[in-house]
Amino acid sequence: MKLKATIKTELAFCISTANSSALAGIRFQKSLESLDVSKLTPKDFEALMRSAGVRFAKRKAEYVFEALKNFDSVEMALKLKSADARRILVKNVKGLGYKEASHFLRNLGRRDVAIIDRHVLRWLGEEKVTPKNYERLERRLKKIAEGMGVDLAELDLRIWFEMTGRVLK
């Protein structure tokens, strides 16, 4: 499925995928393409998310609405190095944790952050990821990537494909 994404719809996508499927998030993002997201209400976002099959649509719709209303903090974060940008996004954008903030940065072209999801954890032989150990796991992945002669973005993609058999975005 081809997407016409903007920075704002990428942010909405990444918020929508937390504890939900990437495919539902993609369907939600696709539904935003012809809309002016700055004019949508939380109820509008919720209806679009429900239609796309996004879990926890009501809460996530509120998060997307607030994130877009306060988009200046997102734009400010994007001017920083990836690790600093991610920390600011996690702190200032409700609904974004380390994984979702990393996903957002990666979808905007940053190649120096890892999207540590359950597939990557399983590949690493790890049980869980927390805000405290995210950066430690990311450093571990970076060493593996360097040993392979690739960056974190490519390693993530390879792991995702190895674990799921597909590439979505």
C-alpha atoms as a PDB file:
ATOM      1  CA  MET A   1       0.000   0.000   0.000  1.00  0.00           C
ATOM      2  CA  LYS A   2       1.467   3.311  -1.078  1.00  0.00           C
ATOM      3  CA  LEU A   3       1.206   6.134   1.453  1.00  0.00           C
ATOM      4  CA  LYS A   4       1.312   9.906   1.043  1.00  0.00           C
ATOM      5  CA  ALA A   5       2.755  10.663   4.452  1.00  0.00           C
ATOM      6  CA  THR A   6       3.507  13.945   6.165  1.00  0.00           C
ATOM      7  CA  ILE A   7       5.383  14.493   9.406  1.00  0.00           C
ATOM      8  CA  LYS A   8       2.042  14.882  11.167  1.00  0.00           C
ATOM      9  CA  THR A   9       0.542  11.682   9.751  1.00  0.00           C
ATOM     10  CA  GLU A  10       3.745   9.809  10.612  1.00  0.00           C
ATOM     11  CA  LEU A  11       3.386  11.012  14.190  1.00  0.00           C
ATOM     12  CA  ALA A  12      -0.261   9.925  14.230  1.00  0.00           C
ATOM     13  CA  PHE A  13       0.738   6.535  12.784  1.00  0.00           C
ATOM     14  CA  CYS A  14       3.411   5.967  15.438  1.00  0.00           C
ATOM     15  CA  ILE A  15       1.050   6.891  18.264  1.00  0.00           C
ATOM     16  CA  SER A  16      -1.599   4.567  16.824  1.00  0.00           C
ATOM     17  CA  THR A  17       0.662   1.515  16.619  1.00  0.00           C
ATOM     18  CA  ALA A  18       1.545   1.253  20.329  1.00  0.00           C
ATOM     19  CA  ASN A  19       0.050  -2.035  21.558  1.00  0.00           C
ATOM     20  CA  SER A  20      -1.706  -2.412  18.219  1.00  0.00           C
ATOM     21  CA  SER A  21      -0.766  -3.809  14.838  1.00  0.00           C
ATOM     22  CA  ALA A  22       1.343  -1.959  12.310  1.00  0.00           C
ATOM     23  CA  LEU A  23      -1.223  -2.868   9.648  1.00  0.00           C
ATOM     24  CA  ALA A  24      -4.012  -1.159  11.609  1.00  0.00           C
ATOM     25  CA  GLY A  25      -1.758   1.879  11.993  1.00  0.00           C
ATOM     26  CA  ILE A  26      -1.080   1.931   8.262  1.00  0.00           C
ATOM     27  CA  ARG A  27      -4.821   1.745   7.519  1.00  0.00           C
ATOM     28  CA  PHE A  28      -5.372   4.631   9.948  1.00  0.00           C
ATOM     29  CA  GLN A  29      -2.573   6.682   8.376  1.00  0.00           C
ATOM     30  CA  LYS A  30      -3.958   5.995   4.896  1.00  0.00           C
ATOM     31  CA  SER A  31      -7.351   7.331   6.031  1.00  0.00           C
ATOM     32  CA  LEU A  32      -5.682  10.652   6.956  1.00  0.00           C
ATOM     33  CA  GLU A  33      -4.196  11.303   3.503  1.00  0.00           C
ATOM     34  CA  SER A  34      -6.996  13.411   2.084  1.00  0.00           C
ATOM     35  CA  LEU A  35      -7.835  15.180   5.354  1.00  0.00           C
ATOM     36  CA  ASP A  36      -6.538  18.316   7.024  1.00  0.00           C
ATOM     37  CA  VAL A  37      -5.462  16.701  10.291  1.00  0.00           C
ATOM     38  CA  SER A  38      -5.245  20.087  12.024  1.00  0.00           C
ATOM     39  CA  LYS A  39      -9.040  20.391  11.703  1.00  0.00           C
ATOM     40  CA  LEU A  40      -9.918  16.970  13.105  1.00  0.00           C
ATOM     41  CA  THR A  41     -11.354  16.479  16.583  1.00  0.00           C
ATOM     42  CA  PRO A  42     -10.520  13.665  18.986  1.00  0.00           C
ATOM     43  CA  LYS A  43     -13.847  12.056  17.978  1.00  0.00           C
ATOM     44  CA  ASP A  44     -12.816  12.216  14.296  1.00  0.00           C
ATOM     45  CA  PHE A  45      -9.489  10.530  15.043  1.00  0.00           C
ATOM     46  CA  GLU A  46     -11.240   7.928  17.178  1.00  0.00           C
ATOM     47  CA  ALA A  47     -13.703   7.033  14.425  1.00  0.00           C
ATOM     48  CA  LEU A  48     -10.888   6.693  11.878  1.00  0.00           C
ATOM     49  CA  MET A  49      -8.852   4.543  14.261  1.00  0.00           C
ATOM     50  CA  ARG A  50     -11.785   2.294  15.085  1.00  0.00           C
ATOM     51  CA  SER A  51     -12.500   1.863  11.391  1.00  0.00           C
ATOM     52  CA  ALA A  52      -8.850   0.891  10.839  1.00  0.00           C
ATOM     53  CA  GLY A  53      -8.851  -1.602  13.719  1.00  0.00           C
ATOM     54  CA  VAL A  54      -6.528   0.331  16.037  1.00  0.00           C
ATOM     55  CA  ARG A  55      -6.709  -0.846  19.659  1.00  0.00           C
ATOM     56  CA  PHE A  56      -7.417   1.700  22.422  1.00  0.00           C
ATOM     57  CA  ALA A  57      -8.753   4.142  19.819  1.00  0.00           C
ATOM     58  CA  LYS A  58     -10.332   6.616  22.249  1.00  0.00           C
ATOM     59  CA  ARG A  59      -7.157   7.175  24.278  1.00  0.00           C
ATOM     60  CA  LYS A  60      -4.880   7.231  21.223  1.00  0.00           C
ATOM     61  CA  ALA A  61      -7.192   9.674  19.441  1.00  0.00           C
ATOM     62  CA  GLU A  62      -6.771  12.073  22.360  1.00  0.00           C
ATOM     63  CA  TYR A  63      -2.986  11.593  22.234  1.00  0.00           C
ATOM     64  CA  VAL A  64      -2.875  12.313  18.485  1.00  0.00           C
ATOM     65  CA  PHE A  65      -5.075  15.375  18.875  1.00  0.00           C
ATOM     66  CA  GLU A  66      -2.891  16.787  21.677  1.00  0.00           C
ATOM     67  CA  ALA A  67       0.351  15.983  19.841  1.00  0.00           C
ATOM     68  CA  LEU A  68      -0.828  17.825  16.745  1.00  0.00           C
ATOM     69  CA  LYS A  69      -2.160  20.732  18.813  1.00  0.00           C
ATOM     70  CA  ASN A  70       1.286  21.088  20.430  1.00  0.00           C
ATOM     71  CA  PHE A  71       3.277  20.251  17.313  1.00  0.00           C
ATOM     72  CA  ASP A  72       5.838  22.988  17.967  1.00  0.00           C
ATOM     73  CA  SER A  73       7.514  20.772  20.607  1.00  0.00           C
ATOM     74  CA  VAL A  74       7.805  18.007  17.993  1.00  0.00           C
ATOM     75  CA  GLU A  75       9.344  20.393  15.468  1.00  0.00           C
ATOM     76  CA  MET A  76      11.809  21.610  18.100  1.00  0.00           C
ATOM     77  CA  ALA A  77      12.826  18.028  18.927  1.00  0.00           C
ATOM     78  CA  LEU A  78      13.434  17.234  15.262  1.00  0.00           C
ATOM     79  CA  LYS A  79      16.223  19.827  15.161  1.00  0.00           C
ATOM     80  CA  LEU A  80      18.262  17.808  17.690  1.00  0.00           C
ATOM     81  CA  LYS A  81      20.444  14.715  17.463  1.00  0.00           C
ATOM     82  CA  SER A  82      18.381  11.532  17.395  1.00  0.00           C
ATOM     83  CA  ALA A  83      18.953  10.409  21.003  1.00  0.00           C
ATOM     84  CA  ASP A  84      18.093  13.878  22.345  1.00  0.00           C
ATOM     85  CA  ALA A  85      15.128  14.208  19.986  1.00  0.00           C
ATOM     86  CA  ARG A  86      13.769  10.878  21.186  1.00  0.00           C
ATOM     87  CA  ARG A  87      14.067  11.850  24.866  1.00  0.00           C
ATOM     88  CA  ILE A  88      12.196  15.112  24.230  1.00  0.00           C
ATOM     89  CA  LEU A  89       9.500  13.360  22.205  1.00  0.00           C
ATOM     90  CA  VAL A  90       8.978  10.782  24.964  1.00  0.00           C
ATOM     91  CA  LYS A  91       8.807  13.540  27.569  1.00  0.00           C
ATOM     92  CA  ASN A  92       6.513  15.899  25.627  1.00  0.00           C
ATOM     93  CA  VAL A  93       4.282  13.714  23.448  1.00  0.00           C
ATOM     94  CA  LYS A  94       1.798  11.633  25.375  1.00  0.00           C
ATOM     95  CA  GLY A  95       1.441   8.227  23.731  1.00  0.00           C
ATOM     96  CA  LEU A  96       5.054   8.016  22.573  1.00  0.00           C
ATOM     97  CA  GLY A  97       7.427   5.737  24.415  1.00  0.00           C
ATOM     98  CA  TYR A  98      10.989   4.983  23.367  1.00  0.00           C
ATOM     99  CA  LYS A  99       9.927   2.462  20.719  1.00  0.00           C
ATOM    100  CA  GLU A 100       7.282   4.703  19.145  1.00  0.00           C
ATOM    101  CA  ALA A 101       9.517   7.785  19.257  1.00  0.00           C
ATOM    102  CA  SER A 102      12.299   5.762  17.609  1.00  0.00           C
ATOM    103  CA  HIS A 103       9.810   4.542  14.995  1.00  0.00           C
ATOM    104  CA  PHE A 104       8.762   8.127  14.292  1.00  0.00           C
ATOM    105  CA  LEU A 105      12.366   9.298  13.900  1.00  0.00           C
ATOM    106  CA  ARG A 106      13.193   6.332  11.671  1.00  0.00           C
ATOM    107  CA  ASN A 107      10.180   6.967   9.455  1.00  0.00           C
ATOM    108  CA  LEU A 108      11.481  10.516   9.017  1.00  0.00           C
ATOM    109  CA  GLY A 109      14.821   9.166   7.808  1.00  0.00           C
ATOM    110  CA  ARG A 110      16.931   8.850  10.955  1.00  0.00           C
ATOM    111  CA  ARG A 111      19.054   5.722  10.697  1.00  0.00           C
ATOM    112  CA  ASP A 112      20.785   5.837  14.089  1.00  0.00           C
ATOM    113  CA  VAL A 113      17.950   4.671  16.358  1.00  0.00           C
ATOM    114  CA  ALA A 114      16.525   1.204  16.888  1.00  0.00           C
ATOM    115  CA  ILE A 115      12.886   0.198  17.043  1.00  0.00           C
ATOM    116  CA  ILE A 116      13.082  -2.357  19.829  1.00  0.00           C
ATOM    117  CA  ASP A 117       9.833  -4.299  19.671  1.00  0.00           C
ATOM    118  CA  ARG A 118       8.919  -7.848  20.693  1.00  0.00           C
ATOM    119  CA  HIS A 119      10.460  -9.270  17.515  1.00  0.00           C
ATOM    120  CA  VAL A 120      13.817  -7.590  18.180  1.00  0.00           C
ATOM    121  CA  LEU A 121      13.669  -8.628  21.840  1.00  0.00           C
ATOM    122  CA  ARG A 122      13.059 -12.250  20.851  1.00  0.00           C
ATOM    123  CA  TRP A 123      15.914 -12.054  18.334  1.00  0.00           C
ATOM    124  CA  LEU A 124      18.208 -10.721  21.076  1.00  0.00           C
ATOM    125  CA  GLY A 125      17.013 -13.360  23.542  1.00  0.00           C
ATOM    126  CA  GLU A 126      15.719 -10.668  25.910  1.00  0.00           C
ATOM    127  CA  GLU A 127      12.566 -10.738  27.994  1.00  0.00           C
ATOM    128  CA  LYS A 128      11.425  -7.122  28.052  1.00  0.00           C
ATOM    129  CA  VAL A 129      12.374  -3.577  27.279  1.00  0.00           C
ATOM    130  CA  THR A 130      11.949  -0.695  29.694  1.00  0.00           C
ATOM    131  CA  PRO A 131      12.851   2.986  29.439  1.00  0.00           C
ATOM    132  CA  LYS A 132      15.861   2.210  31.632  1.00  0.00           C
ATOM    133  CA  ASN A 133      17.272  -0.567  29.442  1.00  0.00           C
ATOM    134  CA  TYR A 134      16.173   0.716  25.996  1.00  0.00           C
ATOM    135  CA  GLU A 135      19.383   2.616  25.342  1.00  0.00           C
ATOM    136  CA  ARG A 136      21.498  -0.298  26.634  1.00  0.00           C
ATOM    137  CA  LEU A 137      19.755  -2.675  24.218  1.00  0.00           C
ATOM    138  CA  GLU A 138      20.142  -0.121  21.442  1.00  0.00           C
ATOM    139  CA  ARG A 139      23.909   0.075  22.094  1.00  0.00           C
ATOM    140  CA  ARG A 140      24.029  -3.730  21.895  1.00  0.00           C
ATOM    141  CA  LEU A 141      22.229  -3.640  18.550  1.00  0.00           C
ATOM    142  CA  LYS A 142      24.558  -0.902  17.330  1.00  0.00           C
ATOM    143  CA  LYS A 143      27.598  -3.108  18.011  1.00  0.00           C
ATOM    144  CA  ILE A 144      25.965  -5.963  16.104  1.00  0.00           C
ATOM    145  CA  ALA A 145      25.122  -3.602  13.226  1.00  0.00           C
ATOM    146  CA  GLU A 146      28.676  -2.257  13.087  1.00  0.00           C
ATOM    147  CA  GLY A 147      30.011  -5.820  13.013  1.00  0.00           C
ATOM    148  CA  MET A 148      27.776  -6.488  10.011  1.00  0.00           C
ATOM    149  CA  GLY A 149      28.732  -3.221   8.300  1.00  0.00           C
ATOM    150  CA  VAL A 150      25.191  -1.798   8.421  1.00  0.00           C
ATOM    151  CA  ASP A 151      23.403   0.905  10.418  1.00  0.00           C
ATOM    152  CA  LEU A 152      20.665   0.393  12.995  1.00  0.00           C
ATOM    153  CA  ALA A 153      17.914   1.049  10.460  1.00  0.00           C
ATOM    154  CA  GLU A 154      19.094  -1.733   8.178  1.00  0.00           C
ATOM    155  CA  LEU A 155      19.667  -4.141  11.059  1.00  0.00           C
ATOM    156  CA  ASP A 156      16.128  -3.473  12.362  1.00  0.00           C
ATOM    157  CA  LEU A 157      14.701  -4.112   8.924  1.00  0.00           C
ATOM    158  CA  ARG A 158      16.649  -7.361   8.585  1.00  0.00           C
ATOM    159  CA  ILE A 159      15.545  -8.554  12.020  1.00  0.00           C
ATOM    160  CA  TRP A 160      11.912  -7.585  11.351  1.00  0.00           C
ATOM    161  CA  PHE A 161      11.962  -9.464   8.050  1.00  0.00           C
ATOM    162  CA  GLU A 162      13.692 -12.500   9.588  1.00  0.00           C
ATOM    163  CA  MET A 163      11.164 -12.650  12.432  1.00  0.00           C
ATOM    164  CA  THR A 164       7.982 -11.810  10.501  1.00  0.00           C
ATOM    165  CA  GLY A 165       8.726 -12.663   6.882  1.00  0.00           C
ATOM    166  CA  ARG A 166       7.537  -9.273   5.623  1.00  0.00           C
ATOM    167  CA  VAL A 167       8.345  -5.595   5.315  1.00  0.00           C
ATOM    168  CA  LEU A 168       5.477  -3.161   5.741  1.00  0.00           C
ATOM    169  CA  LYS A 169       6.900   0.320   5.488  1.00  0.00           C
END
